């Protein structure tokens, strides 16, 4: 299992979701990726995308400046 990080800071919707989708396509089932963003829309967009595509959001952390969403790759 691998754990990676994706920098999607300073990108607006839909780019963080598209970047996440492209990254996940290169990963294996069970791998995880931290998506670091500044667009607050990702708090709803990435979980919705993950649900639709069979992935799982396992953590979401919001600080003053950034949001980090951890996604586990599904089958």
PDB file of N, CA and C in Angstrom:
ATOM      1  N   UNK A   1       0.842  -1.174   0.000  1.00  0.00           N
ATOM      2  CA  UNK A   1       0.000   0.000   0.000  1.00  0.00           C
ATOM      3  C   UNK A   1       0.895   1.248   0.000  1.00  0.00           C
ATOM      4  N   UNK A   2       0.513   2.195  -0.804  1.00  0.00           N
ATOM      5  CA  UNK A   2       1.291   3.430  -0.826  1.00  0.00           C
ATOM      6  C   UNK A   2       0.415   4.594  -0.369  1.00  0.00           C
ATOM      7  N   UNK A   3       1.087   5.637   0.087  1.00  0.00           N
ATOM      8  CA  UNK A   3       0.418   6.858   0.511  1.00  0.00           C
ATOM      9  C   UNK A   3       1.090   8.012  -0.223  1.00  0.00           C
ATOM     10  N   UNK A   4       0.286   8.791  -0.920  1.00  0.00           N
ATOM     11  CA  UNK A   4       0.840   9.871  -1.720  1.00  0.00           C
ATOM     12  C   UNK A   4       0.168  11.184  -1.355  1.00  0.00           C
ATOM     13  N   UNK A   5       0.730  12.273  -1.867  1.00  0.00           N
ATOM     14  CA  UNK A   5       0.161  13.590  -1.638  1.00  0.00           C
ATOM     15  C   UNK A   5      -0.031  14.289  -2.975  1.00  0.00           C
ATOM     16  N   UNK A   6      -1.145  14.981  -3.106  1.00  0.00           N
ATOM     17  CA  UNK A   6      -1.473  15.718  -4.322  1.00  0.00           C
ATOM     18  C   UNK A   6      -1.680  17.177  -3.958  1.00  0.00           C
ATOM     19  N   UNK A   7      -0.941  18.054  -4.602  1.00  0.00           N
ATOM     20  CA  UNK A   7      -1.053  19.489  -4.360  1.00  0.00           C
ATOM     21  C   UNK A   7      -2.075  20.082  -5.333  1.00  0.00           C
ATOM     22  N   UNK A   8      -3.240  20.454  -4.804  1.00  0.00           N
ATOM     23  CA  UNK A   8      -4.274  21.085  -5.620  1.00  0.00           C
ATOM     24  C   UNK A   8      -4.579  22.485  -5.082  1.00  0.00           C
ATOM     25  N   UNK A   9      -3.591  23.081  -4.426  1.00  0.00           N
ATOM     26  CA  UNK A   9      -3.771  24.435  -3.896  1.00  0.00           C
ATOM     27  C   UNK A   9      -3.887  25.442  -5.035  1.00  0.00           C
ATOM     28  N   UNK A  10      -4.646  26.490  -4.764  1.00  0.00           N
ATOM     29  CA  UNK A  10      -4.864  27.590  -5.708  1.00  0.00           C
ATOM     30  C   UNK A  10      -5.586  27.143  -6.982  1.00  0.00           C
ATOM     31  N   UNK A  11      -6.253  26.005  -6.936  1.00  0.00           N
ATOM     32  CA  UNK A  11      -7.067  25.530  -8.060  1.00  0.00           C
ATOM     33  C   UNK A  11      -8.531  25.616  -7.657  1.00  0.00           C
ATOM     34  N   UNK A  12      -9.352  26.028  -8.612  1.00  0.00           N
ATOM     35  CA  UNK A  12     -10.781  26.133  -8.361  1.00  0.00           C
ATOM     36  C   UNK A  12     -11.513  24.983  -9.033  1.00  0.00           C
ATOM     37  N   UNK A  13     -12.719  24.721  -8.543  1.00  0.00           N
ATOM     38  CA  UNK A  13     -13.566  23.671  -9.098  1.00  0.00           C
ATOM     39  C   UNK A  13     -13.680  23.854 -10.611  1.00  0.00           C
ATOM     40  N   UNK A  14     -13.556  22.797 -11.350  1.00  0.00           N
ATOM     41  CA  UNK A  14     -13.505  21.380 -10.975  1.00  0.00           C
ATOM     42  C   UNK A  14     -12.093  20.803 -10.926  1.00  0.00           C
ATOM     43  N   UNK A  15     -11.062  21.636 -11.018  1.00  0.00           N
ATOM     44  CA  UNK A  15      -9.696  21.131 -11.146  1.00  0.00           C
ATOM     45  C   UNK A  15      -9.237  20.231  -9.992  1.00  0.00           C
ATOM     46  N   UNK A  16      -9.522  20.529  -8.710  1.00  0.00           N
ATOM     47  CA  UNK A  16      -9.085  19.596  -7.663  1.00  0.00           C
ATOM     48  C   UNK A  16      -9.665  18.187  -7.845  1.00  0.00           C
ATOM     49  N   UNK A  17     -10.926  18.104  -8.272  1.00  0.00           N
ATOM     50  CA  UNK A  17     -11.552  16.791  -8.497  1.00  0.00           C
ATOM     51  C   UNK A  17     -10.905  16.096  -9.691  1.00  0.00           C
ATOM     52  N   UNK A  18     -10.662  16.827 -10.755  1.00  0.00           N
ATOM     53  CA  UNK A  18     -10.036  16.245 -11.947  1.00  0.00           C
ATOM     54  C   UNK A  18      -8.630  15.759 -11.627  1.00  0.00           C
ATOM     55  N   UNK A  19      -7.863  16.556 -10.894  1.00  0.00           N
ATOM     56  CA  UNK A  19      -6.507  16.150 -10.502  1.00  0.00           C
ATOM     57  C   UNK A  19      -6.554  14.909  -9.607  1.00  0.00           C
ATOM     58  N   UNK A  20      -7.518  14.870  -8.688  1.00  0.00           N
ATOM     59  CA  UNK A  20      -7.676  13.709  -7.806  1.00  0.00           C
ATOM     60  C   UNK A  20      -8.024  12.474  -8.632  1.00  0.00           C
ATOM     61  N   UNK A  21      -8.940  12.615  -9.557  1.00  0.00           N
ATOM     62  CA  UNK A  21      -9.342  11.497 -10.414  1.00  0.00           C
ATOM     63  C   UNK A  21      -8.159  10.968 -11.211  1.00  0.00           C
ATOM     64  N   UNK A  22      -7.360  11.857 -11.770  1.00  0.00           N
ATOM     65  CA  UNK A  22      -6.189  11.441 -12.548  1.00  0.00           C
ATOM     66  C   UNK A  22      -5.160  10.732 -11.674  1.00  0.00           C
ATOM     67  N   UNK A  23      -4.961  11.225 -10.453  1.00  0.00           N
ATOM     68  CA  UNK A  23      -3.997  10.613  -9.528  1.00  0.00           C
ATOM     69  C   UNK A  23      -4.469   9.224  -9.113  1.00  0.00           C
ATOM     70  N   UNK A  24      -5.732   9.109  -8.750  1.00  0.00           N
ATOM     71  CA  UNK A  24      -6.290   7.831  -8.294  1.00  0.00           C
ATOM     72  C   UNK A  24      -6.214   6.780  -9.403  1.00  0.00           C
ATOM     73  N   UNK A  25      -6.364   7.204 -10.642  1.00  0.00           N
ATOM     74  CA  UNK A  25      -6.296   6.273 -11.775  1.00  0.00           C
ATOM     75  C   UNK A  25      -4.933   5.602 -11.887  1.00  0.00           C
ATOM     76  N   UNK A  26      -3.900   6.228 -11.323  1.00  0.00           N
ATOM     77  CA  UNK A  26      -2.536   5.683 -11.364  1.00  0.00           C
ATOM     78  C   UNK A  26      -2.209   4.843 -10.131  1.00  0.00           C
ATOM     79  N   UNK A  27      -3.151   4.748  -9.197  1.00  0.00           N
ATOM     80  CA  UNK A  27      -2.894   4.080  -7.923  1.00  0.00           C
ATOM     81  C   UNK A  27      -3.612   2.734  -7.875  1.00  0.00           C
ATOM     82  N   UNK A  28      -3.285   1.945  -6.838  1.00  0.00           N
ATOM     83  CA  UNK A  28      -3.874   0.620  -6.661  1.00  0.00           C
ATOM     84  C   UNK A  28      -4.927   0.642  -5.562  1.00  0.00           C
ATOM     85  N   UNK A  29      -5.825  -0.321  -5.603  1.00  0.00           N
ATOM     86  CA  UNK A  29      -6.848  -0.463  -4.574  1.00  0.00           C
ATOM     87  C   UNK A  29      -6.193  -0.504  -3.194  1.00  0.00           C
ATOM     88  N   UNK A  30      -6.717   0.292  -2.278  1.00  0.00           N
ATOM     89  CA  UNK A  30      -6.201   0.342  -0.917  1.00  0.00           C
ATOM     90  C   UNK A  30      -5.185   1.435  -0.688  1.00  0.00           C
ATOM     91  N   UNK A  31      -4.591   1.975  -1.752  1.00  0.00           N
ATOM     92  CA  UNK A  31      -3.662   3.097  -1.618  1.00  0.00           C
ATOM     93  C   UNK A  31      -4.432   4.319  -1.121  1.00  0.00           C
ATOM     94  N   UNK A  32      -3.707   5.261  -0.525  1.00  0.00           N
ATOM     95  CA  UNK A  32      -4.335   6.491  -0.063  1.00  0.00           C
ATOM     96  C   UNK A  32      -3.600   7.696  -0.631  1.00  0.00           C
ATOM     97  N   UNK A  33      -4.349   8.790  -0.744  1.00  0.00           N
ATOM     98  CA  UNK A  33      -3.775  10.042  -1.232  1.00  0.00           C
ATOM     99  C   UNK A  33      -4.343  11.190  -0.402  1.00  0.00           C
ATOM    100  N   UNK A  34      -3.455  12.081   0.036  1.00  0.00           N
ATOM    101  CA  UNK A  34      -3.855  13.328   0.683  1.00  0.00           C
ATOM    102  C   UNK A  34      -3.964  14.390  -0.395  1.00  0.00           C
ATOM    103  N   UNK A  35      -5.144  14.951  -0.562  1.00  0.00           N
ATOM    104  CA  UNK A  35      -5.360  16.019  -1.532  1.00  0.00           C
ATOM    105  C   UNK A  35      -5.375  17.331  -0.753  1.00  0.00           C
ATOM    106  N   UNK A  36      -4.368  18.178  -0.986  1.00  0.00           N
ATOM    107  CA  UNK A  36      -4.242  19.445  -0.278  1.00  0.00           C
ATOM    108  C   UNK A  36      -4.808  20.542  -1.170  1.00  0.00           C
ATOM    109  N   UNK A  37      -5.819  21.253  -0.665  1.00  0.00           N
ATOM    110  CA  UNK A  37      -6.566  22.222  -1.469  1.00  0.00           C
ATOM    111  C   UNK A  37      -6.743  23.538  -0.714  1.00  0.00           C
ATOM    112  N   UNK A  38      -7.111  24.564  -1.453  1.00  0.00           N
ATOM    113  CA  UNK A  38      -7.498  25.840  -0.858  1.00  0.00           C
ATOM    114  C   UNK A  38      -8.940  26.209  -1.193  1.00  0.00           C
ATOM    115  N   UNK A  39      -9.566  25.518  -2.140  1.00  0.00           N
ATOM    116  CA  UNK A  39     -10.947  25.782  -2.548  1.00  0.00           C
ATOM    117  C   UNK A  39     -11.904  25.071  -1.584  1.00  0.00           C
ATOM    118  N   UNK A  40     -12.706  25.812  -0.821  1.00  0.00           N
ATOM    119  CA  UNK A  40     -13.604  25.162   0.139  1.00  0.00           C
ATOM    120  C   UNK A  40     -14.652  24.260  -0.510  1.00  0.00           C
ATOM    121  N   UNK A  41     -14.876  24.405  -1.810  1.00  0.00           N
ATOM    122  CA  UNK A  41     -15.828  23.556  -2.511  1.00  0.00           C
ATOM    123  C   UNK A  41     -15.455  22.089  -2.487  1.00  0.00           C
ATOM    124  N   UNK A  42     -14.173  21.783  -2.261  1.00  0.00           N
ATOM    125  CA  UNK A  42     -13.748  20.378  -2.248  1.00  0.00           C
ATOM    126  C   UNK A  42     -14.359  19.600  -1.086  1.00  0.00           C
ATOM    127  N   UNK A  43     -14.789  20.306  -0.044  1.00  0.00           N
ATOM    128  CA  UNK A  43     -15.392  19.626   1.103  1.00  0.00           C
ATOM    129  C   UNK A  43     -16.653  18.868   0.716  1.00  0.00           C
ATOM    130  N   UNK A  44     -17.317  19.300  -0.336  1.00  0.00           N
ATOM    131  CA  UNK A  44     -18.479  18.550  -0.831  1.00  0.00           C
ATOM    132  C   UNK A  44     -18.168  17.844  -2.149  1.00  0.00           C
ATOM    133  N   UNK A  45     -17.327  18.459  -2.995  1.00  0.00           N
ATOM    134  CA  UNK A  45     -17.064  17.901  -4.327  1.00  0.00           C
ATOM    135  C   UNK A  45     -16.294  16.585  -4.291  1.00  0.00           C
ATOM    136  N   UNK A  46     -15.217  16.516  -3.527  1.00  0.00           N
ATOM    137  CA  UNK A  46     -14.404  15.290  -3.510  1.00  0.00           C
ATOM    138  C   UNK A  46     -15.158  14.133  -2.839  1.00  0.00           C
ATOM    139  N   UNK A  47     -15.834  14.338  -1.711  1.00  0.00           N
ATOM    140  CA  UNK A  47     -16.622  13.225  -1.161  1.00  0.00           C
ATOM    141  C   UNK A  47     -17.707  12.728  -2.117  1.00  0.00           C
ATOM    142  N   UNK A  48     -18.362  13.628  -2.843  1.00  0.00           N
ATOM    143  CA  UNK A  48     -19.390  13.213  -3.804  1.00  0.00           C
ATOM    144  C   UNK A  48     -18.752  12.406  -4.929  1.00  0.00           C
ATOM    145  N   UNK A  49     -17.629  12.876  -5.450  1.00  0.00           N
ATOM    146  CA  UNK A  49     -16.923  12.152  -6.508  1.00  0.00           C
ATOM    147  C   UNK A  49     -16.493  10.772  -6.007  1.00  0.00           C
ATOM    148  N   UNK A  50     -15.957  10.718  -4.770  1.00  0.00           N
ATOM    149  CA  UNK A  50     -15.491   9.442  -4.209  1.00  0.00           C
ATOM    150  C   UNK A  50     -16.643   8.443  -4.085  1.00  0.00           C
ATOM    151  N   UNK A  51     -17.779   8.888  -3.572  1.00  0.00           N
ATOM    152  CA  UNK A  51     -18.946   8.004  -3.423  1.00  0.00           C
ATOM    153  C   UNK A  51     -19.374   7.435  -4.769  1.00  0.00           C
ATOM    154  N   UNK A  52     -19.477   8.291  -5.753  1.00  0.00           N
ATOM    155  CA  UNK A  52     -19.930   7.876  -7.085  1.00  0.00           C
ATOM    156  C   UNK A  52     -18.970   6.870  -7.711  1.00  0.00           C
ATOM    157  N   UNK A  53     -17.676   7.012  -7.424  1.00  0.00           N
ATOM    158  CA  UNK A  53     -16.661   6.192  -8.082  1.00  0.00           C
ATOM    159  C   UNK A  53     -16.114   5.052  -7.233  1.00  0.00           C
ATOM    160  N   UNK A  54     -16.706   4.805  -6.064  1.00  0.00           N
ATOM    161  CA  UNK A  54     -16.328   3.652  -5.256  1.00  0.00           C
ATOM    162  C   UNK A  54     -15.081   3.836  -4.416  1.00  0.00           C
ATOM    163  N   UNK A  55     -14.727   5.090  -4.124  1.00  0.00           N
ATOM    164  CA  UNK A  55     -13.584   5.372  -3.260  1.00  0.00           C
ATOM    165  C   UNK A  55     -14.121   5.838  -1.905  1.00  0.00           C
ATOM    166  N   UNK A  56     -13.225   6.020  -0.947  1.00  0.00           N
ATOM    167  CA  UNK A  56     -13.660   6.369   0.405  1.00  0.00           C
ATOM    168  C   UNK A  56     -12.846   7.547   0.931  1.00  0.00           C
ATOM    169  N   UNK A  57     -13.549   8.561   1.428  1.00  0.00           N
ATOM    170  CA  UNK A  57     -12.881   9.660   2.126  1.00  0.00           C
ATOM    171  C   UNK A  57     -12.690   9.190   3.560  1.00  0.00           C
ATOM    172  N   UNK A  58     -11.433   9.064   3.985  1.00  0.00           N
ATOM    173  CA  UNK A  58     -11.172   8.545   5.332  1.00  0.00           C
ATOM    174  C   UNK A  58     -10.791   9.632   6.324  1.00  0.00           C
ATOM    175  N   UNK A  59     -10.507  10.848   5.819  1.00  0.00           N
ATOM    176  CA  UNK A  59     -10.195  11.949   6.725  1.00  0.00           C
ATOM    177  C   UNK A  59     -10.353  13.262   5.982  1.00  0.00           C
ATOM    178  N   UNK A  60     -10.689  14.289   6.725  1.00  0.00           N
ATOM    179  CA  UNK A  60     -10.814  15.634   6.174  1.00  0.00           C
ATOM    180  C   UNK A  60     -10.398  16.602   7.272  1.00  0.00           C
ATOM    181  N   UNK A  61      -9.371  17.401   6.986  1.00  0.00           N
ATOM    182  CA  UNK A  61      -8.852  18.345   7.973  1.00  0.00           C
ATOM    183  C   UNK A  61      -8.839  19.733   7.351  1.00  0.00           C
ATOM    184  N   UNK A  62      -9.459  20.673   8.050  1.00  0.00           N
ATOM    185  CA  UNK A  62      -9.501  22.047   7.548  1.00  0.00           C
ATOM    186  C   UNK A  62      -8.763  22.949   8.525  1.00  0.00           C
ATOM    187  N   UNK A  63      -7.782  23.692   7.989  1.00  0.00           N
ATOM    188  CA  UNK A  63      -7.093  24.707   8.778  1.00  0.00           C
ATOM    189  C   UNK A  63      -7.542  26.060   8.259  1.00  0.00           C
ATOM    190  N   UNK A  64      -6.948  27.104   8.751  1.00  0.00           N
ATOM    191  CA  UNK A  64      -7.323  28.447   8.309  1.00  0.00           C
ATOM    192  C   UNK A  64      -7.099  28.632   6.808  1.00  0.00           C
ATOM    193  N   UNK A  65      -6.020  28.057   6.287  1.00  0.00           N
ATOM    194  CA  UNK A  65      -5.628  28.302   4.894  1.00  0.00           C
ATOM    195  C   UNK A  65      -5.831  27.129   3.944  1.00  0.00           C
ATOM    196  N   UNK A  66      -5.895  25.914   4.474  1.00  0.00           N
ATOM    197  CA  UNK A  66      -5.901  24.738   3.604  1.00  0.00           C
ATOM    198  C   UNK A  66      -6.885  23.679   4.076  1.00  0.00           C
ATOM    199  N   UNK A  67      -7.223  22.822   3.138  1.00  0.00           N
ATOM    200  CA  UNK A  67      -8.069  21.662   3.414  1.00  0.00           C
ATOM    201  C   UNK A  67      -7.313  20.444   2.903  1.00  0.00           C
ATOM    202  N   UNK A  68      -7.202  19.411   3.733  1.00  0.00           N
ATOM    203  CA  UNK A  68      -6.583  18.169   3.304  1.00  0.00           C
ATOM    204  C   UNK A  68      -7.625  17.064   3.414  1.00  0.00           C
ATOM    205  N   UNK A  69      -7.888  16.421   2.291  1.00  0.00           N
ATOM    206  CA  UNK A  69      -8.845  15.326   2.241  1.00  0.00           C
ATOM    207  C   UNK A  69      -8.078  14.060   1.873  1.00  0.00           C
ATOM    208  N   UNK A  70      -8.211  13.034   2.703  1.00  0.00           N
ATOM    209  CA  UNK A  70      -7.544  11.771   2.458  1.00  0.00           C
ATOM    210  C   UNK A  70      -8.532  10.792   1.840  1.00  0.00           C
ATOM    211  N   UNK A  71      -8.145  10.267   0.677  1.00  0.00           N
ATOM    212  CA  UNK A  71      -9.009   9.352  -0.067  1.00  0.00           C
ATOM    213  C   UNK A  71      -8.332   7.986  -0.148  1.00  0.00           C
ATOM    214  N   UNK A  72      -9.109   6.917   0.163  1.00  0.00           N
ATOM    215  CA  UNK A  72      -8.638   5.554  -0.023  1.00  0.00           C
ATOM    216  C   UNK A  72      -9.210   5.058  -1.354  1.00  0.00           C
ATOM    217  N   UNK A  73      -8.325   4.542  -2.192  1.00  0.00           N
ATOM    218  CA  UNK A  73      -8.719   4.082  -3.515  1.00  0.00           C
ATOM    219  C   UNK A  73      -9.529   2.793  -3.390  1.00  0.00           C
ATOM    220  N   UNK A  74     -10.688   2.778  -4.038  1.00  0.00           N
ATOM    221  CA  UNK A  74     -11.535   1.600  -4.048  1.00  0.00           C
ATOM    222  C   UNK A  74     -11.219   0.712  -5.250  1.00  0.00           C
ATOM    223  N   UNK A  75     -11.945  -0.389  -5.345  1.00  0.00           N
ATOM    224  CA  UNK A  75     -11.722  -1.341  -6.431  1.00  0.00           C
ATOM    225  C   UNK A  75     -12.184  -0.802  -7.767  1.00  0.00           C
TER     226      UNK A  75
END
